[in-house]
Amino acid sequence: MTLRIIGAGLGRTGTLSLKIALERLLDGPCYHMAEVFAHPEHVPVWHAAARGEMPDWRAFFQGYRASVDWPAASFWSELMAVFPEALVVLSVRDAESWWRSAHQTIFPASRGASGEWRAMIDALFAARFTSALEDRAACIAMFERHNAEVRRAVPRSRLVEWRASDGWAPLCAALQLPVPSEPFPHTNSTEQFLGAHAARTQA
């Protein structure tokens, strides 16, 4: 089993919905930040990668059919080289709405982390995004720069640009698969994220 999809879209661009959809389409697991919560032994691997010490990506993603969301999305370029047959899905949304969502959800959650989790997150943002998470202009500029770089670097034949409102159609067309009969799995709104995060921190 090897990656067929490399998600290059940053967190809060519908990545959990995309994970669920790709698992349905590809009949196999999709790597997402949720996997890091489930596998704390992955934290030092991502921390090392943020410092420039790349793992054996093929071994690391053994058993997965796709990857989306942070932290994997930060390494889309490296993954493209390792998995040359994989399509790259750039999940996007309006930059201002992305900022509002990230500012209410993943950025506060990252500041609340501790130990190696916090060290990994800080290193990842510093190396692959920005450490100025309270600076709206800096974050939006990096969000737009990231998306522009993906569009510039990925050949058109490999790139699928996707919004959550697009649903199944662009994914199925790119994968040459029929559109499922069930509704697209829209999930992980800001309210759902905050509720899940509160439950996790109280557990």
N, C-alpha and C. Protein backbone atom coordinates (compact mmCIF):
# COMPACT_ATOMS: atom_id res chain seq x y z
N MET A 1 0.84 -1.19 0.00
CA MET A 1 0.00 0.00 0.00
C MET A 1 0.88 1.24 0.00
N THR A 2 0.51 2.24 -0.78
CA THR A 2 1.28 3.46 -0.88
C THR A 2 0.35 4.66 -0.98
N LEU A 3 0.86 5.85 -0.74
CA LEU A 3 0.02 7.04 -0.80
C LEU A 3 -0.45 7.30 -2.23
N ARG A 4 -1.74 7.48 -2.39
CA ARG A 4 -2.30 7.89 -3.68
C ARG A 4 -2.66 9.36 -3.69
N ILE A 5 -2.85 9.92 -2.50
CA ILE A 5 -3.19 11.34 -2.36
C ILE A 5 -2.26 11.98 -1.33
N ILE A 6 -1.69 13.12 -1.70
CA ILE A 6 -0.92 13.95 -0.77
C ILE A 6 -1.71 15.23 -0.56
N GLY A 7 -2.20 15.42 0.64
CA GLY A 7 -2.95 16.64 0.94
C GLY A 7 -1.98 17.78 1.25
N ALA A 8 -2.06 18.86 0.47
CA ALA A 8 -1.18 20.01 0.68
C ALA A 8 -1.90 21.17 1.35
N GLY A 9 -3.20 21.05 1.56
CA GLY A 9 -3.95 22.14 2.19
C GLY A 9 -3.70 22.20 3.69
N LEU A 10 -3.62 23.41 4.22
CA LEU A 10 -3.36 23.59 5.64
C LEU A 10 -4.60 23.27 6.48
N GLY A 11 -4.39 23.11 7.78
CA GLY A 11 -5.49 22.83 8.68
C GLY A 11 -6.58 23.88 8.60
N ARG A 12 -7.81 23.48 8.89
CA ARG A 12 -9.01 24.31 8.84
C ARG A 12 -9.43 24.64 7.41
N THR A 13 -9.12 23.74 6.48
CA THR A 13 -9.60 23.87 5.11
C THR A 13 -10.44 22.65 4.73
N GLY A 14 -11.16 22.10 5.70
CA GLY A 14 -11.99 20.94 5.43
C GLY A 14 -11.23 19.63 5.45
N THR A 15 -10.09 19.60 6.16
CA THR A 15 -9.23 18.42 6.07
C THR A 15 -9.80 17.18 6.76
N LEU A 16 -10.57 17.35 7.82
CA LEU A 16 -11.15 16.15 8.45
C LEU A 16 -12.24 15.56 7.56
N SER A 17 -13.05 16.41 6.95
CA SER A 17 -14.04 15.92 5.98
C SER A 17 -13.33 15.23 4.83
N LEU A 18 -12.22 15.82 4.38
CA LEU A 18 -11.46 15.24 3.28
C LEU A 18 -10.88 13.89 3.69
N LYS A 19 -10.38 13.78 4.90
CA LYS A 19 -9.86 12.49 5.39
C LYS A 19 -10.94 11.40 5.31
N ILE A 20 -12.11 11.71 5.83
CA ILE A 20 -13.20 10.72 5.84
C ILE A 20 -13.60 10.34 4.42
N ALA A 21 -13.66 11.35 3.54
CA ALA A 21 -14.05 11.10 2.15
C ALA A 21 -13.02 10.23 1.44
N LEU A 22 -11.75 10.53 1.64
CA LEU A 22 -10.71 9.76 0.96
C LEU A 22 -10.64 8.32 1.48
N GLU A 23 -10.90 8.14 2.77
CA GLU A 23 -10.93 6.77 3.29
C GLU A 23 -12.06 5.98 2.65
N ARG A 24 -13.16 6.65 2.37
CA ARG A 24 -14.28 5.99 1.69
C ARG A 24 -13.91 5.66 0.25
N LEU A 25 -13.29 6.59 -0.44
CA LEU A 25 -12.97 6.40 -1.85
C LEU A 25 -11.83 5.41 -2.06
N LEU A 26 -10.83 5.46 -1.19
CA LEU A 26 -9.62 4.66 -1.39
C LEU A 26 -9.62 3.36 -0.59
N ASP A 27 -10.65 3.17 0.22
CA ASP A 27 -10.79 1.94 0.99
C ASP A 27 -9.53 1.66 1.82
N GLY A 28 -9.07 2.71 2.52
CA GLY A 28 -7.90 2.57 3.37
C GLY A 28 -7.72 3.82 4.20
N PRO A 29 -6.84 3.79 5.19
CA PRO A 29 -6.69 4.92 6.11
C PRO A 29 -5.99 6.12 5.48
N CYS A 30 -6.36 7.29 5.99
CA CYS A 30 -5.77 8.55 5.58
C CYS A 30 -5.12 9.21 6.80
N TYR A 31 -3.87 9.60 6.66
CA TYR A 31 -3.14 10.22 7.78
C TYR A 31 -3.60 11.66 7.95
N HIS A 32 -3.85 12.04 9.22
CA HIS A 32 -4.37 13.37 9.60
C HIS A 32 -3.82 13.65 10.98
N MET A 33 -3.88 14.88 11.44
CA MET A 33 -3.39 15.18 12.79
C MET A 33 -4.02 14.26 13.83
N ALA A 34 -5.24 13.80 13.57
CA ALA A 34 -5.87 12.85 14.50
C ALA A 34 -5.02 11.60 14.69
N GLU A 35 -4.25 11.21 13.67
CA GLU A 35 -3.37 10.05 13.80
C GLU A 35 -2.24 10.31 14.79
N VAL A 36 -1.80 11.56 14.88
CA VAL A 36 -0.73 11.88 15.83
C VAL A 36 -1.25 11.76 17.26
N PHE A 37 -2.50 12.19 17.48
CA PHE A 37 -3.10 11.99 18.80
C PHE A 37 -3.21 10.51 19.14
N ALA A 38 -3.53 9.70 18.13
CA ALA A 38 -3.69 8.27 18.36
C ALA A 38 -2.34 7.55 18.49
N HIS A 39 -1.28 8.15 17.94
CA HIS A 39 0.04 7.52 17.94
C HIS A 39 1.07 8.52 18.47
N PRO A 40 1.14 8.71 19.77
CA PRO A 40 2.08 9.70 20.32
C PRO A 40 3.54 9.40 19.97
N GLU A 41 3.83 8.16 19.60
CA GLU A 41 5.20 7.85 19.18
C GLU A 41 5.57 8.55 17.87
N HIS A 42 4.58 9.09 17.16
CA HIS A 42 4.85 9.84 15.94
C HIS A 42 5.34 11.26 16.23
N VAL A 43 5.09 11.76 17.43
CA VAL A 43 5.46 13.14 17.75
C VAL A 43 6.95 13.41 17.53
N PRO A 44 7.86 12.58 18.07
CA PRO A 44 9.29 12.84 17.83
C PRO A 44 9.68 12.74 16.36
N VAL A 45 8.96 11.94 15.58
CA VAL A 45 9.25 11.83 14.16
C VAL A 45 8.97 13.17 13.47
N TRP A 46 7.81 13.77 13.79
CA TRP A 46 7.46 15.06 13.20
C TRP A 46 8.35 16.17 13.74
N HIS A 47 8.72 16.07 14.99
CA HIS A 47 9.62 17.08 15.57
C HIS A 47 10.96 17.05 14.83
N ALA A 48 11.49 15.87 14.60
CA ALA A 48 12.75 15.75 13.86
C ALA A 48 12.60 16.27 12.43
N ALA A 49 11.48 15.95 11.79
CA ALA A 49 11.26 16.43 10.42
C ALA A 49 11.22 17.95 10.37
N ALA A 50 10.60 18.58 11.37
CA ALA A 50 10.55 20.04 11.43
C ALA A 50 11.94 20.64 11.56
N ARG A 51 12.86 19.86 12.14
CA ARG A 51 14.25 20.31 12.28
C ARG A 51 15.08 19.96 11.04
N GLY A 52 14.45 19.33 10.05
CA GLY A 52 15.16 18.99 8.82
C GLY A 52 15.65 17.57 8.76
N GLU A 53 15.32 16.74 9.76
CA GLU A 53 15.75 15.34 9.81
C GLU A 53 14.59 14.46 9.33
N MET A 54 14.54 14.21 8.01
CA MET A 54 13.41 13.52 7.42
C MET A 54 13.44 12.03 7.71
N PRO A 55 12.28 11.44 8.00
CA PRO A 55 12.22 9.99 8.19
C PRO A 55 12.21 9.27 6.85
N ASP A 56 12.18 7.98 6.90
CA ASP A 56 11.91 7.17 5.71
C ASP A 56 10.40 7.28 5.49
N TRP A 57 10.00 8.17 4.57
CA TRP A 57 8.58 8.46 4.41
C TRP A 57 7.79 7.23 3.98
N ARG A 58 8.37 6.41 3.13
CA ARG A 58 7.64 5.21 2.68
C ARG A 58 7.37 4.28 3.86
N ALA A 59 8.34 4.12 4.73
CA ALA A 59 8.13 3.27 5.90
C ALA A 59 7.12 3.93 6.85
N PHE A 60 7.24 5.23 7.03
CA PHE A 60 6.37 5.92 7.97
C PHE A 60 4.91 5.83 7.55
N PHE A 61 4.66 5.98 6.26
CA PHE A 61 3.27 5.96 5.77
C PHE A 61 2.82 4.59 5.31
N GLN A 62 3.57 3.56 5.65
CA GLN A 62 3.16 2.20 5.31
C GLN A 62 1.77 1.92 5.85
N GLY A 63 0.89 1.47 4.98
CA GLY A 63 -0.47 1.16 5.41
C GLY A 63 -1.47 2.28 5.16
N TYR A 64 -1.00 3.46 4.81
CA TYR A 64 -1.89 4.60 4.54
C TYR A 64 -2.06 4.79 3.04
N ARG A 65 -3.24 5.25 2.66
CA ARG A 65 -3.55 5.50 1.26
C ARG A 65 -3.49 6.99 0.91
N ALA A 66 -3.53 7.85 1.94
CA ALA A 66 -3.54 9.29 1.71
C ALA A 66 -3.04 9.99 2.95
N SER A 67 -2.69 11.26 2.79
CA SER A 67 -2.33 12.10 3.93
C SER A 67 -2.95 13.47 3.72
N VAL A 68 -3.48 14.06 4.78
CA VAL A 68 -4.03 15.41 4.72
C VAL A 68 -3.74 16.11 6.05
N ASP A 69 -3.91 17.42 6.07
CA ASP A 69 -3.84 18.20 7.30
C ASP A 69 -2.40 18.33 7.78
N TRP A 70 -2.19 19.27 8.73
CA TRP A 70 -0.92 19.33 9.44
C TRP A 70 -0.75 18.03 10.22
N PRO A 71 0.45 17.55 10.48
CA PRO A 71 1.72 18.10 10.01
C PRO A 71 2.14 17.64 8.61
N ALA A 72 1.49 16.62 8.07
CA ALA A 72 1.96 16.07 6.79
C ALA A 72 1.89 17.10 5.66
N ALA A 73 0.85 17.96 5.68
CA ALA A 73 0.70 18.94 4.60
C ALA A 73 1.88 19.89 4.51
N SER A 74 2.60 20.08 5.61
CA SER A 74 3.76 20.96 5.59
C SER A 74 4.93 20.37 4.81
N PHE A 75 4.85 19.07 4.53
CA PHE A 75 5.94 18.37 3.84
C PHE A 75 5.48 17.86 2.48
N TRP A 76 4.52 18.57 1.89
CA TRP A 76 3.96 18.13 0.60
C TRP A 76 5.04 18.00 -0.48
N SER A 77 6.01 18.90 -0.47
CA SER A 77 7.05 18.87 -1.51
C SER A 77 7.92 17.62 -1.38
N GLU A 78 8.33 17.31 -0.17
CA GLU A 78 9.12 16.10 0.06
C GLU A 78 8.32 14.85 -0.29
N LEU A 79 7.05 14.84 0.07
CA LEU A 79 6.22 13.67 -0.21
C LEU A 79 5.98 13.50 -1.70
N MET A 80 5.86 14.60 -2.43
CA MET A 80 5.71 14.51 -3.89
C MET A 80 6.87 13.76 -4.52
N ALA A 81 8.07 14.03 -4.03
CA ALA A 81 9.25 13.39 -4.59
C ALA A 81 9.31 11.90 -4.25
N VAL A 82 8.85 11.55 -3.05
CA VAL A 82 8.91 10.16 -2.60
C VAL A 82 7.80 9.32 -3.23
N PHE A 83 6.64 9.96 -3.47
CA PHE A 83 5.48 9.26 -4.03
C PHE A 83 5.12 9.92 -5.37
N PRO A 84 5.89 9.66 -6.42
CA PRO A 84 5.72 10.38 -7.68
C PRO A 84 4.41 10.10 -8.41
N GLU A 85 3.73 9.03 -8.05
CA GLU A 85 2.45 8.72 -8.71
C GLU A 85 1.26 9.33 -7.97
N ALA A 86 1.48 9.88 -6.80
CA ALA A 86 0.37 10.41 -6.00
C ALA A 86 -0.12 11.74 -6.55
N LEU A 87 -1.43 11.95 -6.46
CA LEU A 87 -2.02 13.25 -6.76
C LEU A 87 -1.85 14.15 -5.55
N VAL A 88 -1.82 15.45 -5.78
CA VAL A 88 -1.72 16.43 -4.70
C VAL A 88 -3.05 17.18 -4.63
N VAL A 89 -3.70 17.11 -3.49
CA VAL A 89 -4.96 17.82 -3.27
C VAL A 89 -4.70 19.05 -2.41
N LEU A 90 -4.94 20.22 -2.99
CA LEU A 90 -4.79 21.47 -2.26
C LEU A 90 -6.18 21.90 -1.81
N SER A 91 -6.49 21.66 -0.53
CA SER A 91 -7.77 22.11 0.02
C SER A 91 -7.64 23.58 0.40
N VAL A 92 -8.59 24.38 -0.02
CA VAL A 92 -8.51 25.82 0.15
C VAL A 92 -9.83 26.37 0.69
N ARG A 93 -9.77 27.61 1.17
CA ARG A 93 -10.95 28.38 1.53
C ARG A 93 -10.56 29.85 1.52
N ASP A 94 -11.54 30.72 1.64
CA ASP A 94 -11.26 32.15 1.71
C ASP A 94 -10.28 32.42 2.84
N ALA A 95 -9.26 33.25 2.59
CA ALA A 95 -8.20 33.48 3.57
C ALA A 95 -8.71 34.08 4.86
N GLU A 96 -9.64 35.00 4.78
CA GLU A 96 -10.15 35.65 5.98
C GLU A 96 -10.94 34.66 6.83
N SER A 97 -11.77 33.85 6.21
CA SER A 97 -12.54 32.86 6.98
C SER A 97 -11.61 31.79 7.54
N TRP A 98 -10.55 31.45 6.79
CA TRP A 98 -9.56 30.52 7.32
C TRP A 98 -8.92 31.08 8.59
N TRP A 99 -8.52 32.35 8.55
CA TRP A 99 -7.88 32.97 9.72
C TRP A 99 -8.81 32.93 10.93
N ARG A 100 -10.07 33.30 10.74
CA ARG A 100 -11.01 33.31 11.87
C ARG A 100 -11.13 31.92 12.47
N SER A 101 -11.22 30.90 11.62
CA SER A 101 -11.36 29.53 12.12
C SER A 101 -10.09 29.07 12.83
N ALA A 102 -8.93 29.27 12.20
CA ALA A 102 -7.67 28.84 12.82
C ALA A 102 -7.41 29.58 14.12
N HIS A 103 -7.74 30.87 14.15
CA HIS A 103 -7.50 31.70 15.32
C HIS A 103 -8.35 31.25 16.51
N GLN A 104 -9.50 30.65 16.22
CA GLN A 104 -10.40 30.18 17.29
C GLN A 104 -10.14 28.73 17.68
N THR A 105 -9.41 27.99 16.88
CA THR A 105 -9.33 26.54 17.10
C THR A 105 -7.88 26.05 17.24
N ILE A 106 -7.22 25.82 16.12
CA ILE A 106 -5.93 25.14 16.19
C ILE A 106 -4.83 26.00 16.80
N PHE A 107 -4.89 27.31 16.62
CA PHE A 107 -3.82 28.13 17.20
C PHE A 107 -3.89 28.15 18.73
N PRO A 108 -5.06 28.39 19.33
CA PRO A 108 -5.13 28.28 20.80
C PRO A 108 -4.79 26.88 21.30
N ALA A 109 -5.23 25.85 20.58
CA ALA A 109 -4.93 24.48 21.00
C ALA A 109 -3.43 24.23 20.99
N SER A 110 -2.73 24.78 20.00
CA SER A 110 -1.27 24.58 19.94
C SER A 110 -0.57 25.27 21.10
N ARG A 111 -1.08 26.44 21.51
CA ARG A 111 -0.46 27.14 22.63
C ARG A 111 -0.71 26.42 23.95
N GLY A 112 -1.76 25.62 23.99
CA GLY A 112 -2.07 24.88 25.21
C GLY A 112 -1.33 23.56 25.33
N ALA A 113 -0.60 23.19 24.30
CA ALA A 113 0.16 21.93 24.35
C ALA A 113 1.38 22.09 25.26
N SER A 114 1.94 20.95 25.65
CA SER A 114 3.11 20.99 26.54
C SER A 114 4.08 19.88 26.15
N GLY A 115 5.27 19.92 26.75
CA GLY A 115 6.26 18.86 26.54
C GLY A 115 6.69 18.75 25.09
N GLU A 116 6.90 17.50 24.63
CA GLU A 116 7.38 17.31 23.26
C GLU A 116 6.33 17.71 22.23
N TRP A 117 5.05 17.57 22.59
CA TRP A 117 4.00 18.04 21.69
C TRP A 117 4.20 19.51 21.38
N ARG A 118 4.40 20.32 22.42
CA ARG A 118 4.57 21.76 22.22
C ARG A 118 5.84 22.04 21.43
N ALA A 119 6.91 21.31 21.74
CA ALA A 119 8.16 21.51 21.03
C ALA A 119 8.00 21.17 19.54
N MET A 120 7.28 20.09 19.25
CA MET A 120 7.05 19.70 17.86
C MET A 120 6.24 20.77 17.13
N ILE A 121 5.16 21.22 17.76
CA ILE A 121 4.30 22.22 17.12
C ILE A 121 5.05 23.53 16.89
N ASP A 122 5.79 23.98 17.90
CA ASP A 122 6.54 25.23 17.76
C ASP A 122 7.57 25.12 16.64
N ALA A 123 8.27 23.98 16.58
CA ALA A 123 9.27 23.79 15.53
C ALA A 123 8.62 23.75 14.16
N LEU A 124 7.47 23.10 14.07
CA LEU A 124 6.77 22.98 12.80
C LEU A 124 6.31 24.34 12.29
N PHE A 125 5.68 25.12 13.17
CA PHE A 125 5.22 26.45 12.74
C PHE A 125 6.40 27.34 12.37
N ALA A 126 7.46 27.29 13.16
CA ALA A 126 8.62 28.15 12.90
C ALA A 126 9.27 27.80 11.57
N ALA A 127 9.39 26.51 11.26
CA ALA A 127 10.09 26.08 10.06
C ALA A 127 9.22 26.11 8.81
N ARG A 128 7.91 25.86 8.98
CA ARG A 128 7.07 25.62 7.81
C ARG A 128 5.90 26.59 7.68
N PHE A 129 5.73 27.49 8.63
CA PHE A 129 4.62 28.44 8.54
C PHE A 129 5.09 29.77 9.13
N THR A 130 4.61 30.12 10.30
CA THR A 130 5.07 31.31 11.02
C THR A 130 4.82 31.09 12.50
N SER A 131 5.70 31.64 13.32
CA SER A 131 5.50 31.57 14.77
C SER A 131 4.57 32.67 15.27
N ALA A 132 4.27 33.65 14.42
CA ALA A 132 3.46 34.81 14.82
C ALA A 132 1.97 34.48 14.70
N LEU A 133 1.51 33.53 15.51
CA LEU A 133 0.14 33.04 15.37
C LEU A 133 -0.92 34.05 15.80
N GLU A 134 -0.54 35.10 16.51
CA GLU A 134 -1.49 36.14 16.89
C GLU A 134 -1.55 37.25 15.84
N ASP A 135 -0.67 37.21 14.88
CA ASP A 135 -0.57 38.26 13.87
C ASP A 135 -1.42 37.86 12.66
N ARG A 136 -2.61 38.46 12.55
CA ARG A 136 -3.53 38.11 11.47
C ARG A 136 -2.89 38.29 10.10
N ALA A 137 -2.24 39.43 9.89
CA ALA A 137 -1.66 39.72 8.58
C ALA A 137 -0.55 38.72 8.23
N ALA A 138 0.29 38.39 9.20
CA ALA A 138 1.38 37.45 8.95
C ALA A 138 0.84 36.06 8.62
N CYS A 139 -0.18 35.63 9.35
CA CYS A 139 -0.75 34.30 9.11
C CYS A 139 -1.44 34.22 7.76
N ILE A 140 -2.21 35.23 7.42
CA ILE A 140 -2.89 35.22 6.13
C ILE A 140 -1.87 35.27 4.99
N ALA A 141 -0.82 36.08 5.17
CA ALA A 141 0.22 36.14 4.13
C ALA A 141 0.87 34.78 3.92
N MET A 142 1.14 34.06 5.02
CA MET A 142 1.76 32.74 4.90
C MET A 142 0.79 31.73 4.31
N PHE A 143 -0.47 31.82 4.68
CA PHE A 143 -1.50 30.93 4.12
C PHE A 143 -1.55 31.11 2.60
N GLU A 144 -1.60 32.35 2.15
CA GLU A 144 -1.68 32.61 0.72
C GLU A 144 -0.38 32.24 0.01
N ARG A 145 0.76 32.46 0.66
CA ARG A 145 2.05 32.10 0.07
C ARG A 145 2.16 30.59 -0.08
N HIS A 146 1.73 29.86 0.93
CA HIS A 146 1.75 28.40 0.87
C HIS A 146 0.93 27.91 -0.31
N ASN A 147 -0.29 28.38 -0.44
CA ASN A 147 -1.16 27.94 -1.53
C ASN A 147 -0.57 28.30 -2.90
N ALA A 148 0.00 29.50 -2.99
CA ALA A 148 0.60 29.92 -4.25
C ALA A 148 1.79 29.04 -4.62
N GLU A 149 2.58 28.64 -3.64
CA GLU A 149 3.74 27.80 -3.91
C GLU A 149 3.30 26.42 -4.38
N VAL A 150 2.25 25.87 -3.77
CA VAL A 150 1.74 24.57 -4.22
C VAL A 150 1.28 24.68 -5.68
N ARG A 151 0.50 25.71 -5.98
CA ARG A 151 0.01 25.89 -7.35
C ARG A 151 1.16 26.05 -8.34
N ARG A 152 2.22 26.71 -7.92
CA ARG A 152 3.36 26.95 -8.81
C ARG A 152 4.17 25.68 -9.04
N ALA A 153 4.35 24.89 -7.99
CA ALA A 153 5.31 23.79 -8.05
C ALA A 153 4.71 22.47 -8.52
N VAL A 154 3.42 22.26 -8.30
CA VAL A 154 2.82 20.97 -8.65
C VAL A 154 2.35 20.99 -10.10
N PRO A 155 2.77 20.04 -10.92
CA PRO A 155 2.28 19.98 -12.31
C PRO A 155 0.75 19.91 -12.34
N ARG A 156 0.16 20.55 -13.32
CA ARG A 156 -1.30 20.59 -13.41
C ARG A 156 -1.90 19.19 -13.48
N SER A 157 -1.15 18.27 -14.06
CA SER A 157 -1.66 16.90 -14.19
C SER A 157 -1.76 16.19 -12.85
N ARG A 158 -1.07 16.71 -11.82
CA ARG A 158 -1.08 16.07 -10.50
C ARG A 158 -1.89 16.85 -9.48
N LEU A 159 -2.29 18.08 -9.79
CA LEU A 159 -2.90 18.96 -8.80
C LEU A 159 -4.43 18.95 -8.88
N VAL A 160 -5.06 18.80 -7.72
CA VAL A 160 -6.51 18.95 -7.58
C VAL A 160 -6.75 20.02 -6.53
N GLU A 161 -7.31 21.14 -6.95
CA GLU A 161 -7.66 22.19 -5.98
C GLU A 161 -9.10 21.97 -5.55
N TRP A 162 -9.33 21.97 -4.26
CA TRP A 162 -10.63 21.50 -3.73
C TRP A 162 -11.10 22.37 -2.59
N ARG A 163 -12.38 22.68 -2.59
CA ARG A 163 -13.05 23.33 -1.47
C ARG A 163 -14.07 22.36 -0.89
N ALA A 164 -14.35 22.49 0.39
CA ALA A 164 -15.30 21.57 1.03
C ALA A 164 -16.65 21.59 0.32
N SER A 165 -17.03 22.76 -0.20
CA SER A 165 -18.31 22.86 -0.90
C SER A 165 -18.33 22.08 -2.22
N ASP A 166 -17.15 21.69 -2.72
CA ASP A 166 -17.09 20.92 -3.98
C ASP A 166 -17.57 19.49 -3.80
N GLY A 167 -17.46 18.97 -2.57
CA GLY A 167 -17.91 17.61 -2.31
C GLY A 167 -17.09 16.56 -3.04
N TRP A 168 -17.80 15.51 -3.48
CA TRP A 168 -17.15 14.34 -4.06
C TRP A 168 -16.55 14.57 -5.45
N ALA A 169 -17.22 15.38 -6.27
CA ALA A 169 -16.98 15.37 -7.71
C ALA A 169 -15.52 15.55 -8.13
N PRO A 170 -14.80 16.59 -7.67
CA PRO A 170 -13.40 16.74 -8.15
C PRO A 170 -12.50 15.58 -7.72
N LEU A 171 -12.73 15.06 -6.53
CA LEU A 171 -11.92 13.94 -6.03
C LEU A 171 -12.17 12.69 -6.87
N CYS A 172 -13.43 12.41 -7.13
CA CYS A 172 -13.77 11.22 -7.91
C CYS A 172 -13.27 11.33 -9.34
N ALA A 173 -13.38 12.53 -9.91
CA ALA A 173 -12.90 12.73 -11.28
C ALA A 173 -11.40 12.49 -11.36
N ALA A 174 -10.65 13.03 -10.39
CA ALA A 174 -9.20 12.88 -10.40
C ALA A 174 -8.78 11.44 -10.19
N LEU A 175 -9.52 10.72 -9.35
CA LEU A 175 -9.20 9.33 -9.04
C LEU A 175 -9.85 8.34 -10.00
N GLN A 176 -10.67 8.88 -10.92
CA GLN A 176 -11.40 8.06 -11.88
C GLN A 176 -12.25 7.00 -11.17
N LEU A 177 -13.01 7.50 -10.20
CA LEU A 177 -13.90 6.64 -9.41
C LEU A 177 -15.32 7.19 -9.50
N PRO A 178 -16.32 6.32 -9.35
CA PRO A 178 -17.70 6.81 -9.36
C PRO A 178 -18.01 7.62 -8.10
N VAL A 179 -18.93 8.55 -8.23
CA VAL A 179 -19.34 9.37 -7.10
C VAL A 179 -20.22 8.53 -6.18
N PRO A 180 -19.89 8.45 -4.89
CA PRO A 180 -20.73 7.67 -3.96
C PRO A 180 -22.15 8.22 -3.88
N SER A 181 -23.06 7.35 -3.52
CA SER A 181 -24.47 7.77 -3.42
C SER A 181 -24.75 8.53 -2.13
N GLU A 182 -23.91 8.32 -1.08
CA GLU A 182 -24.17 8.98 0.19
C GLU A 182 -23.69 10.43 0.17
N PRO A 183 -24.25 11.26 1.05
CA PRO A 183 -23.83 12.67 1.10
C PRO A 183 -22.36 12.79 1.48
N PHE A 184 -21.74 13.86 1.03
CA PHE A 184 -20.35 14.11 1.39
C PHE A 184 -20.25 14.35 2.89
N PRO A 185 -19.21 13.84 3.57
CA PRO A 185 -19.13 13.91 5.05
C PRO A 185 -18.59 15.25 5.58
N HIS A 186 -19.42 16.27 5.56
CA HIS A 186 -19.00 17.56 6.12
C HIS A 186 -18.95 17.45 7.65
N THR A 187 -17.81 17.80 8.24
CA THR A 187 -17.65 17.67 9.70
C THR A 187 -16.57 18.61 10.20
N ASN A 188 -16.41 18.67 11.53
CA ASN A 188 -15.36 19.43 12.20
C ASN A 188 -15.50 20.94 12.03
N SER A 189 -16.71 21.44 12.23
CA SER A 189 -16.91 22.89 12.29
C SER A 189 -16.14 23.44 13.48
N THR A 190 -16.06 24.76 13.56
CA THR A 190 -15.38 25.39 14.71
C THR A 190 -16.00 24.92 16.02
N GLU A 191 -17.34 24.86 16.06
CA GLU A 191 -18.02 24.44 17.29
C GLU A 191 -17.68 22.99 17.63
N GLN A 192 -17.66 22.12 16.62
CA GLN A 192 -17.32 20.72 16.86
C GLN A 192 -15.87 20.58 17.31
N PHE A 193 -14.96 21.34 16.71
CA PHE A 193 -13.55 21.29 17.11
C PHE A 193 -13.40 21.68 18.57
N LEU A 194 -14.04 22.80 18.96
CA LEU A 194 -13.89 23.28 20.33
C LEU A 194 -14.47 22.28 21.33
N GLY A 195 -15.59 21.65 20.98
CA GLY A 195 -16.18 20.65 21.86
C GLY A 195 -15.28 19.44 22.02
N ALA A 196 -14.72 18.97 20.90
CA ALA A 196 -13.83 17.80 20.95
C ALA A 196 -12.55 18.13 21.72
N HIS A 197 -12.02 19.34 21.51
CA HIS A 197 -10.80 19.73 22.21
C HIS A 197 -11.03 19.81 23.72
N ALA A 198 -12.18 20.36 24.10
CA ALA A 198 -12.50 20.46 25.53
C ALA A 198 -12.61 19.07 26.16
N ALA A 199 -13.24 18.14 25.43
CA ALA A 199 -13.38 16.78 25.95
C ALA A 199 -12.01 16.11 26.08
N ARG A 200 -11.12 16.35 25.12
CA ARG A 200 -9.80 15.74 25.14
C ARG A 200 -8.97 16.27 26.31
N THR A 201 -9.04 17.56 26.56
CA THR A 201 -8.24 18.16 27.63
C THR A 201 -8.76 17.81 29.02
N GLN A 202 -10.06 17.46 29.11
CA GLN A 202 -10.65 17.11 30.40
C GLN A 202 -10.54 15.63 30.71
N ALA A 203 -10.16 14.85 29.67
CA ALA A 203 -10.11 13.39 29.86
C ALA A 203 -8.97 13.00 30.79
